[in-house]
Amino acid sequence: MKAHEIMTPSPECVTPQDRVSHAARIMRDRDVGLVPVVRDTASMMLEGVITDRDVAVRHVAESHTNDCTVSSHMSRERISAVAESDDVQTVMATMERAAVRRVPVTDKDGKLVGIIAQADIAKSSQIPKAQVGEVVQVVSQAASGGRE
């Protein structure tokens, strides 16, 4: 099974110039915790991501103003994306290695084409539940610093 078979295609995205509030509204309206950041909507070249945690910790907790742009709060370094042609084992290994619950999916040119969340893996009947459980456990332990 390949990444493109389980990904959510054409996810809502923002550009670095968009307001943080726009990204937050996408998160609220789509019930997602991560919004991909693309250079521009014409190229769809992945630049990074902005998460609900980025908004809370880097924007709200620091009392930034409402006119802040995504570029001020997004994550750019070590973005763990997968290729649409990668197999699901690679996707799960990427999630475990990076300790992330969601990964952007790009085409061979780096253009954003989708996103895969842990829920997409969990809903697949073709992935053994033991493997799904391992991914969830590793990512959850990393997120909590190893606390139970």
N, C-alpha and C. Protein backbone atom coordinates (compact mmCIF):
# COMPACT_ATOMS: atom_id res chain seq x y z
N MET A 1 0.84 -1.16 0.00
CA MET A 1 0.00 0.00 0.00
C MET A 1 0.90 1.24 0.00
N LYS A 2 0.52 2.24 -0.78
CA LYS A 2 1.31 3.46 -0.94
C LYS A 2 0.67 4.63 -0.20
N ALA A 3 1.48 5.63 0.07
CA ALA A 3 1.01 6.81 0.81
C ALA A 3 -0.19 7.45 0.14
N HIS A 4 -0.17 7.55 -1.18
CA HIS A 4 -1.27 8.21 -1.89
C HIS A 4 -2.60 7.48 -1.72
N GLU A 5 -2.56 6.21 -1.32
CA GLU A 5 -3.78 5.45 -1.14
C GLU A 5 -4.49 5.73 0.19
N ILE A 6 -3.76 6.23 1.17
CA ILE A 6 -4.39 6.49 2.47
C ILE A 6 -4.39 7.97 2.85
N MET A 7 -3.73 8.80 2.05
CA MET A 7 -3.65 10.23 2.41
C MET A 7 -4.97 10.94 2.17
N THR A 8 -5.12 12.05 2.86
CA THR A 8 -6.21 12.98 2.57
C THR A 8 -5.65 13.90 1.49
N PRO A 9 -6.24 13.87 0.30
CA PRO A 9 -5.68 14.67 -0.79
C PRO A 9 -6.03 16.15 -0.66
N SER A 10 -5.20 16.98 -1.24
CA SER A 10 -5.43 18.43 -1.34
C SER A 10 -5.86 19.07 -0.02
N PRO A 11 -5.01 18.96 1.01
CA PRO A 11 -5.40 19.56 2.28
C PRO A 11 -5.41 21.08 2.20
N GLU A 12 -6.22 21.70 3.05
CA GLU A 12 -6.19 23.16 3.15
C GLU A 12 -4.78 23.54 3.58
N CYS A 13 -4.29 24.64 3.06
CA CYS A 13 -2.94 25.08 3.41
C CYS A 13 -2.92 26.59 3.53
N VAL A 14 -1.81 27.10 4.04
CA VAL A 14 -1.59 28.54 4.15
C VAL A 14 -0.23 28.86 3.57
N THR A 15 0.01 30.15 3.37
CA THR A 15 1.32 30.62 2.93
C THR A 15 1.99 31.31 4.10
N PRO A 16 3.30 31.53 4.04
CA PRO A 16 3.97 32.23 5.14
C PRO A 16 3.43 33.64 5.37
N GLN A 17 2.85 34.26 4.36
CA GLN A 17 2.33 35.62 4.47
C GLN A 17 0.92 35.68 5.09
N ASP A 18 0.23 34.55 5.16
CA ASP A 18 -1.12 34.53 5.74
C ASP A 18 -1.05 34.83 7.24
N ARG A 19 -2.12 35.32 7.77
CA ARG A 19 -2.23 35.59 9.21
C ARG A 19 -2.35 34.27 9.98
N VAL A 20 -1.81 34.25 11.19
CA VAL A 20 -1.92 33.09 12.06
C VAL A 20 -3.39 32.78 12.31
N SER A 21 -4.20 33.80 12.41
CA SER A 21 -5.63 33.58 12.67
C SER A 21 -6.29 32.80 11.53
N HIS A 22 -5.80 32.97 10.31
CA HIS A 22 -6.33 32.21 9.17
C HIS A 22 -6.02 30.72 9.36
N ALA A 23 -4.79 30.42 9.75
CA ALA A 23 -4.40 29.03 10.00
C ALA A 23 -5.24 28.45 11.14
N ALA A 24 -5.46 29.24 12.19
CA ALA A 24 -6.25 28.77 13.33
C ALA A 24 -7.69 28.49 12.92
N ARG A 25 -8.26 29.33 12.04
CA ARG A 25 -9.63 29.08 11.58
C ARG A 25 -9.71 27.79 10.77
N ILE A 26 -8.69 27.51 9.96
CA ILE A 26 -8.66 26.25 9.21
C ILE A 26 -8.65 25.08 10.19
N MET A 27 -7.81 25.18 11.22
CA MET A 27 -7.74 24.11 12.23
C MET A 27 -9.10 23.90 12.87
N ARG A 28 -9.75 24.98 13.23
CA ARG A 28 -11.07 24.89 13.87
C ARG A 28 -12.11 24.31 12.91
N ASP A 29 -12.19 24.87 11.72
CA ASP A 29 -13.24 24.48 10.77
C ASP A 29 -13.05 23.07 10.22
N ARG A 30 -11.81 22.62 10.06
CA ARG A 30 -11.52 21.30 9.51
C ARG A 30 -11.23 20.27 10.60
N ASP A 31 -11.21 20.71 11.85
CA ASP A 31 -10.91 19.84 12.98
C ASP A 31 -9.58 19.12 12.78
N VAL A 32 -8.54 19.92 12.52
CA VAL A 32 -7.19 19.39 12.31
C VAL A 32 -6.22 20.13 13.23
N GLY A 33 -5.10 19.53 13.51
CA GLY A 33 -4.10 20.14 14.38
C GLY A 33 -2.87 20.61 13.65
N LEU A 34 -2.83 20.45 12.34
CA LEU A 34 -1.67 20.85 11.54
C LEU A 34 -2.16 21.37 10.20
N VAL A 35 -1.58 22.47 9.76
CA VAL A 35 -1.88 23.02 8.44
C VAL A 35 -0.55 23.15 7.70
N PRO A 36 -0.43 22.55 6.53
CA PRO A 36 0.80 22.71 5.74
C PRO A 36 0.97 24.16 5.29
N VAL A 37 2.22 24.58 5.22
CA VAL A 37 2.56 25.91 4.74
C VAL A 37 3.28 25.75 3.40
N VAL A 38 2.73 26.38 2.37
CA VAL A 38 3.31 26.31 1.04
C VAL A 38 3.84 27.67 0.62
N ARG A 39 4.84 27.66 -0.24
CA ARG A 39 5.43 28.91 -0.71
C ARG A 39 4.36 29.85 -1.26
N ASP A 40 3.52 29.31 -2.14
CA ASP A 40 2.37 30.03 -2.68
C ASP A 40 1.40 28.99 -3.22
N THR A 41 0.16 29.40 -3.41
CA THR A 41 -0.85 28.42 -3.82
C THR A 41 -0.74 28.03 -5.28
N ALA A 42 0.05 28.74 -6.05
CA ALA A 42 0.28 28.34 -7.45
C ALA A 42 1.27 27.18 -7.53
N SER A 43 2.37 27.29 -6.78
CA SER A 43 3.40 26.24 -6.85
C SER A 43 3.11 25.08 -5.91
N MET A 44 2.46 25.35 -4.77
CA MET A 44 2.18 24.35 -3.73
C MET A 44 3.45 23.68 -3.20
N MET A 45 4.58 24.38 -3.28
CA MET A 45 5.84 23.85 -2.76
C MET A 45 5.82 23.95 -1.23
N LEU A 46 6.03 22.81 -0.58
CA LEU A 46 5.97 22.73 0.88
C LEU A 46 7.12 23.51 1.50
N GLU A 47 6.79 24.44 2.39
CA GLU A 47 7.78 25.26 3.11
C GLU A 47 7.90 24.86 4.57
N GLY A 48 6.83 24.29 5.12
CA GLY A 48 6.82 23.93 6.52
C GLY A 48 5.41 23.59 6.96
N VAL A 49 5.18 23.67 8.26
CA VAL A 49 3.85 23.41 8.82
C VAL A 49 3.62 24.37 9.97
N ILE A 50 2.35 24.57 10.29
CA ILE A 50 1.98 25.28 11.51
C ILE A 50 0.99 24.39 12.23
N THR A 51 1.23 24.20 13.52
CA THR A 51 0.40 23.30 14.32
C THR A 51 -0.39 24.08 15.36
N ASP A 52 -1.36 23.39 15.94
CA ASP A 52 -2.11 24.02 17.02
C ASP A 52 -1.18 24.37 18.17
N ARG A 53 -0.17 23.56 18.39
CA ARG A 53 0.83 23.85 19.43
C ARG A 53 1.64 25.09 19.08
N ASP A 54 2.03 25.26 17.82
CA ASP A 54 2.74 26.47 17.40
C ASP A 54 1.90 27.71 17.71
N VAL A 55 0.61 27.64 17.39
CA VAL A 55 -0.29 28.78 17.64
C VAL A 55 -0.37 29.06 19.13
N ALA A 56 -0.54 28.01 19.94
CA ALA A 56 -0.69 28.21 21.39
C ALA A 56 0.61 28.69 22.04
N VAL A 57 1.72 28.04 21.72
CA VAL A 57 2.97 28.31 22.42
C VAL A 57 3.72 29.52 21.84
N ARG A 58 3.77 29.62 20.54
CA ARG A 58 4.56 30.69 19.92
C ARG A 58 3.77 31.97 19.69
N HIS A 59 2.45 31.87 19.62
CA HIS A 59 1.64 33.05 19.31
C HIS A 59 0.85 33.53 20.53
N VAL A 60 -0.05 32.70 21.02
CA VAL A 60 -0.94 33.12 22.11
C VAL A 60 -0.16 33.31 23.41
N ALA A 61 0.64 32.34 23.80
CA ALA A 61 1.36 32.42 25.08
C ALA A 61 2.35 33.58 25.11
N GLU A 62 2.82 33.99 23.97
CA GLU A 62 3.76 35.11 23.89
C GLU A 62 3.04 36.44 23.68
N SER A 63 1.70 36.42 23.70
CA SER A 63 0.88 37.63 23.56
C SER A 63 1.18 38.42 22.29
N HIS A 64 1.31 37.70 21.18
CA HIS A 64 1.53 38.37 19.91
C HIS A 64 0.24 39.01 19.42
N THR A 65 0.38 39.94 18.51
CA THR A 65 -0.78 40.66 18.00
C THR A 65 -1.52 39.85 16.94
N ASN A 66 -2.73 40.24 16.65
CA ASN A 66 -3.56 39.53 15.68
C ASN A 66 -3.05 39.62 14.25
N ASP A 67 -2.13 40.55 13.97
CA ASP A 67 -1.65 40.68 12.60
C ASP A 67 -0.39 39.87 12.32
N CYS A 68 0.00 39.01 13.24
CA CYS A 68 1.17 38.14 13.03
C CYS A 68 0.95 37.24 11.82
N THR A 69 2.03 36.98 11.12
CA THR A 69 1.95 36.09 9.97
C THR A 69 2.40 34.68 10.35
N VAL A 70 2.00 33.74 9.54
CA VAL A 70 2.36 32.34 9.74
C VAL A 70 3.88 32.18 9.79
N SER A 71 4.61 32.94 8.97
CA SER A 71 6.07 32.80 8.92
C SER A 71 6.73 33.03 10.27
N SER A 72 6.10 33.81 11.14
CA SER A 72 6.67 34.09 12.45
C SER A 72 6.52 32.93 13.44
N HIS A 73 5.64 32.00 13.13
CA HIS A 73 5.30 30.96 14.11
C HIS A 73 5.38 29.53 13.56
N MET A 74 5.58 29.37 12.30
CA MET A 74 5.58 28.04 11.68
C MET A 74 6.85 27.27 11.98
N SER A 75 6.80 25.97 11.80
CA SER A 75 7.98 25.11 11.89
C SER A 75 8.52 24.92 10.48
N ARG A 76 9.81 25.18 10.33
CA ARG A 76 10.46 25.05 9.02
C ARG A 76 11.49 23.93 9.00
N GLU A 77 12.18 23.77 10.10
CA GLU A 77 13.27 22.81 10.16
C GLU A 77 12.76 21.41 10.43
N ARG A 78 13.44 20.46 9.89
CA ARG A 78 13.16 19.04 10.13
C ARG A 78 11.70 18.67 9.90
N ILE A 79 11.13 19.17 8.83
CA ILE A 79 9.77 18.80 8.48
C ILE A 79 9.82 17.39 7.92
N SER A 80 9.05 16.52 8.49
CA SER A 80 9.04 15.12 8.07
C SER A 80 7.92 14.89 7.08
N ALA A 81 8.25 15.01 5.81
CA ALA A 81 7.28 14.75 4.75
C ALA A 81 7.62 13.40 4.13
N VAL A 82 6.63 12.81 3.48
CA VAL A 82 6.84 11.57 2.74
C VAL A 82 6.42 11.79 1.29
N ALA A 83 6.91 10.94 0.43
CA ALA A 83 6.53 11.00 -0.98
C ALA A 83 5.26 10.20 -1.20
N GLU A 84 4.46 10.65 -2.15
CA GLU A 84 3.20 9.95 -2.44
C GLU A 84 3.43 8.51 -2.87
N SER A 85 4.62 8.22 -3.37
CA SER A 85 4.94 6.86 -3.81
C SER A 85 5.55 5.99 -2.70
N ASP A 86 5.82 6.58 -1.53
CA ASP A 86 6.37 5.81 -0.42
C ASP A 86 5.35 4.78 0.05
N ASP A 87 5.86 3.64 0.53
CA ASP A 87 4.94 2.65 1.06
C ASP A 87 4.55 3.03 2.49
N VAL A 88 3.49 2.43 2.98
CA VAL A 88 2.94 2.77 4.29
C VAL A 88 3.95 2.47 5.39
N GLN A 89 4.80 1.47 5.21
CA GLN A 89 5.82 1.16 6.21
C GLN A 89 6.77 2.36 6.37
N THR A 90 7.10 3.01 5.27
CA THR A 90 7.95 4.21 5.31
C THR A 90 7.23 5.35 6.02
N VAL A 91 5.96 5.49 5.75
CA VAL A 91 5.16 6.53 6.41
C VAL A 91 5.18 6.32 7.92
N MET A 92 4.90 5.09 8.35
CA MET A 92 4.86 4.80 9.79
C MET A 92 6.25 4.97 10.42
N ALA A 93 7.29 4.57 9.72
CA ALA A 93 8.65 4.74 10.25
C ALA A 93 8.99 6.23 10.38
N THR A 94 8.53 7.03 9.44
CA THR A 94 8.76 8.47 9.49
C THR A 94 8.04 9.08 10.69
N MET A 95 6.80 8.67 10.92
CA MET A 95 6.05 9.16 12.08
C MET A 95 6.77 8.79 13.38
N GLU A 96 7.24 7.55 13.47
CA GLU A 96 7.93 7.10 14.67
C GLU A 96 9.24 7.85 14.87
N ARG A 97 10.04 7.95 13.82
CA ARG A 97 11.36 8.59 13.92
C ARG A 97 11.23 10.05 14.32
N ALA A 98 10.27 10.75 13.72
CA ALA A 98 10.09 12.18 13.99
C ALA A 98 9.15 12.44 15.16
N ALA A 99 8.51 11.40 15.66
CA ALA A 99 7.54 11.51 16.76
C ALA A 99 6.45 12.53 16.42
N VAL A 100 5.83 12.32 15.24
CA VAL A 100 4.75 13.21 14.79
C VAL A 100 3.51 12.39 14.47
N ARG A 101 2.36 13.01 14.64
CA ARG A 101 1.09 12.35 14.39
C ARG A 101 0.59 12.56 12.97
N ARG A 102 1.20 13.52 12.27
CA ARG A 102 0.75 13.84 10.91
C ARG A 102 1.96 14.13 10.04
N VAL A 103 1.90 13.69 8.78
CA VAL A 103 2.99 14.00 7.85
C VAL A 103 2.42 14.51 6.53
N PRO A 104 3.00 15.59 6.02
CA PRO A 104 2.61 16.05 4.68
C PRO A 104 3.10 15.05 3.64
N VAL A 105 2.40 14.99 2.53
CA VAL A 105 2.76 14.11 1.42
C VAL A 105 3.06 15.00 0.21
N THR A 106 4.19 14.74 -0.43
CA THR A 106 4.60 15.54 -1.58
C THR A 106 4.79 14.66 -2.81
N ASP A 107 4.75 15.30 -3.97
CA ASP A 107 5.06 14.57 -5.20
C ASP A 107 6.58 14.60 -5.40
N LYS A 108 7.04 14.08 -6.51
CA LYS A 108 8.48 13.97 -6.75
C LYS A 108 9.18 15.33 -6.84
N ASP A 109 8.41 16.39 -7.07
CA ASP A 109 8.98 17.74 -7.18
C ASP A 109 8.87 18.54 -5.88
N GLY A 110 8.34 17.93 -4.82
CA GLY A 110 8.19 18.62 -3.55
C GLY A 110 6.90 19.40 -3.41
N LYS A 111 5.98 19.19 -4.33
CA LYS A 111 4.68 19.86 -4.28
C LYS A 111 3.76 19.13 -3.31
N LEU A 112 3.08 19.87 -2.44
CA LEU A 112 2.15 19.28 -1.48
C LEU A 112 0.97 18.66 -2.22
N VAL A 113 0.70 17.38 -1.95
CA VAL A 113 -0.45 16.71 -2.58
C VAL A 113 -1.41 16.09 -1.57
N GLY A 114 -0.97 15.99 -0.30
CA GLY A 114 -1.85 15.39 0.69
C GLY A 114 -1.26 15.44 2.08
N ILE A 115 -1.96 14.81 2.99
CA ILE A 115 -1.49 14.70 4.37
C ILE A 115 -1.98 13.36 4.93
N ILE A 116 -1.16 12.76 5.78
CA ILE A 116 -1.53 11.50 6.42
C ILE A 116 -1.47 11.72 7.93
N ALA A 117 -2.56 11.37 8.59
CA ALA A 117 -2.64 11.44 10.05
C ALA A 117 -2.65 10.02 10.61
N GLN A 118 -2.37 9.90 11.90
CA GLN A 118 -2.43 8.59 12.54
C GLN A 118 -3.79 7.95 12.30
N ALA A 119 -4.84 8.74 12.29
CA ALA A 119 -6.19 8.20 12.08
C ALA A 119 -6.31 7.54 10.72
N ASP A 120 -5.64 8.08 9.70
CA ASP A 120 -5.69 7.48 8.37
C ASP A 120 -5.08 6.08 8.38
N ILE A 121 -4.01 5.94 9.14
CA ILE A 121 -3.36 4.63 9.27
C ILE A 121 -4.26 3.69 10.07
N ALA A 122 -4.82 4.20 11.16
CA ALA A 122 -5.66 3.36 12.03
C ALA A 122 -6.91 2.86 11.30
N LYS A 123 -7.45 3.66 10.39
CA LYS A 123 -8.68 3.28 9.68
C LYS A 123 -8.44 2.27 8.56
N SER A 124 -7.19 2.09 8.17
CA SER A 124 -6.90 1.18 7.07
C SER A 124 -7.02 -0.27 7.51
N SER A 125 -7.79 -1.03 6.78
CA SER A 125 -7.95 -2.45 7.10
C SER A 125 -6.76 -3.28 6.60
N GLN A 126 -5.88 -2.66 5.82
CA GLN A 126 -4.74 -3.38 5.25
C GLN A 126 -3.47 -3.27 6.09
N ILE A 127 -3.52 -2.48 7.17
CA ILE A 127 -2.36 -2.34 8.03
C ILE A 127 -2.65 -3.08 9.33
N PRO A 128 -1.78 -4.01 9.69
CA PRO A 128 -2.01 -4.76 10.93
C PRO A 128 -2.14 -3.84 12.14
N LYS A 129 -3.13 -4.11 12.97
CA LYS A 129 -3.40 -3.26 14.13
C LYS A 129 -2.21 -3.22 15.09
N ALA A 130 -1.42 -4.27 15.15
CA ALA A 130 -0.24 -4.26 16.02
C ALA A 130 0.75 -3.19 15.55
N GLN A 131 0.89 -3.02 14.24
CA GLN A 131 1.78 -1.99 13.71
C GLN A 131 1.22 -0.59 13.99
N VAL A 132 -0.08 -0.44 13.85
CA VAL A 132 -0.72 0.84 14.16
C VAL A 132 -0.49 1.18 15.63
N GLY A 133 -0.68 0.20 16.49
CA GLY A 133 -0.48 0.40 17.92
C GLY A 133 0.94 0.80 18.26
N GLU A 134 1.90 0.20 17.58
CA GLU A 134 3.30 0.54 17.82
C GLU A 134 3.58 2.00 17.46
N VAL A 135 3.05 2.46 16.33
CA VAL A 135 3.24 3.85 15.91
C VAL A 135 2.64 4.79 16.95
N VAL A 136 1.41 4.51 17.35
CA VAL A 136 0.73 5.36 18.34
C VAL A 136 1.53 5.39 19.64
N GLN A 137 2.00 4.24 20.09
CA GLN A 137 2.75 4.17 21.34
C GLN A 137 4.04 4.97 21.26
N VAL A 138 4.82 4.78 20.20
CA VAL A 138 6.10 5.48 20.07
C VAL A 138 5.90 6.99 20.00
N VAL A 139 4.95 7.43 19.19
CA VAL A 139 4.70 8.86 19.04
C VAL A 139 4.16 9.46 20.35
N SER A 140 3.28 8.74 21.00
CA SER A 140 2.70 9.24 22.25
C SER A 140 3.74 9.32 23.36
N GLN A 141 4.62 8.34 23.45
CA GLN A 141 5.67 8.37 24.47
C GLN A 141 6.62 9.53 24.21
N ALA A 142 6.96 9.75 22.97
CA ALA A 142 7.86 10.86 22.64
C ALA A 142 7.21 12.20 22.98
N ALA A 143 5.92 12.32 22.71
CA ALA A 143 5.21 13.58 22.96
C ALA A 143 5.09 13.87 24.45
N SER A 144 5.03 12.82 25.26
CA SER A 144 4.87 13.03 26.70
C SER A 144 6.20 12.93 27.44
N GLY A 145 7.29 12.82 26.69
CA GLY A 145 8.59 12.70 27.32
C GLY A 145 8.80 11.37 28.02
N GLY A 146 8.07 10.36 27.55
CA GLY A 146 8.21 9.03 28.12
C GLY A 146 7.34 8.78 29.33
N ARG A 147 6.55 9.78 29.73
CA ARG A 147 5.65 9.60 30.88
C ARG A 147 4.48 8.74 30.50
N GLU A 148 3.97 8.02 31.44
CA GLU A 148 2.80 7.17 31.20
C GLU A 148 1.53 7.97 31.25
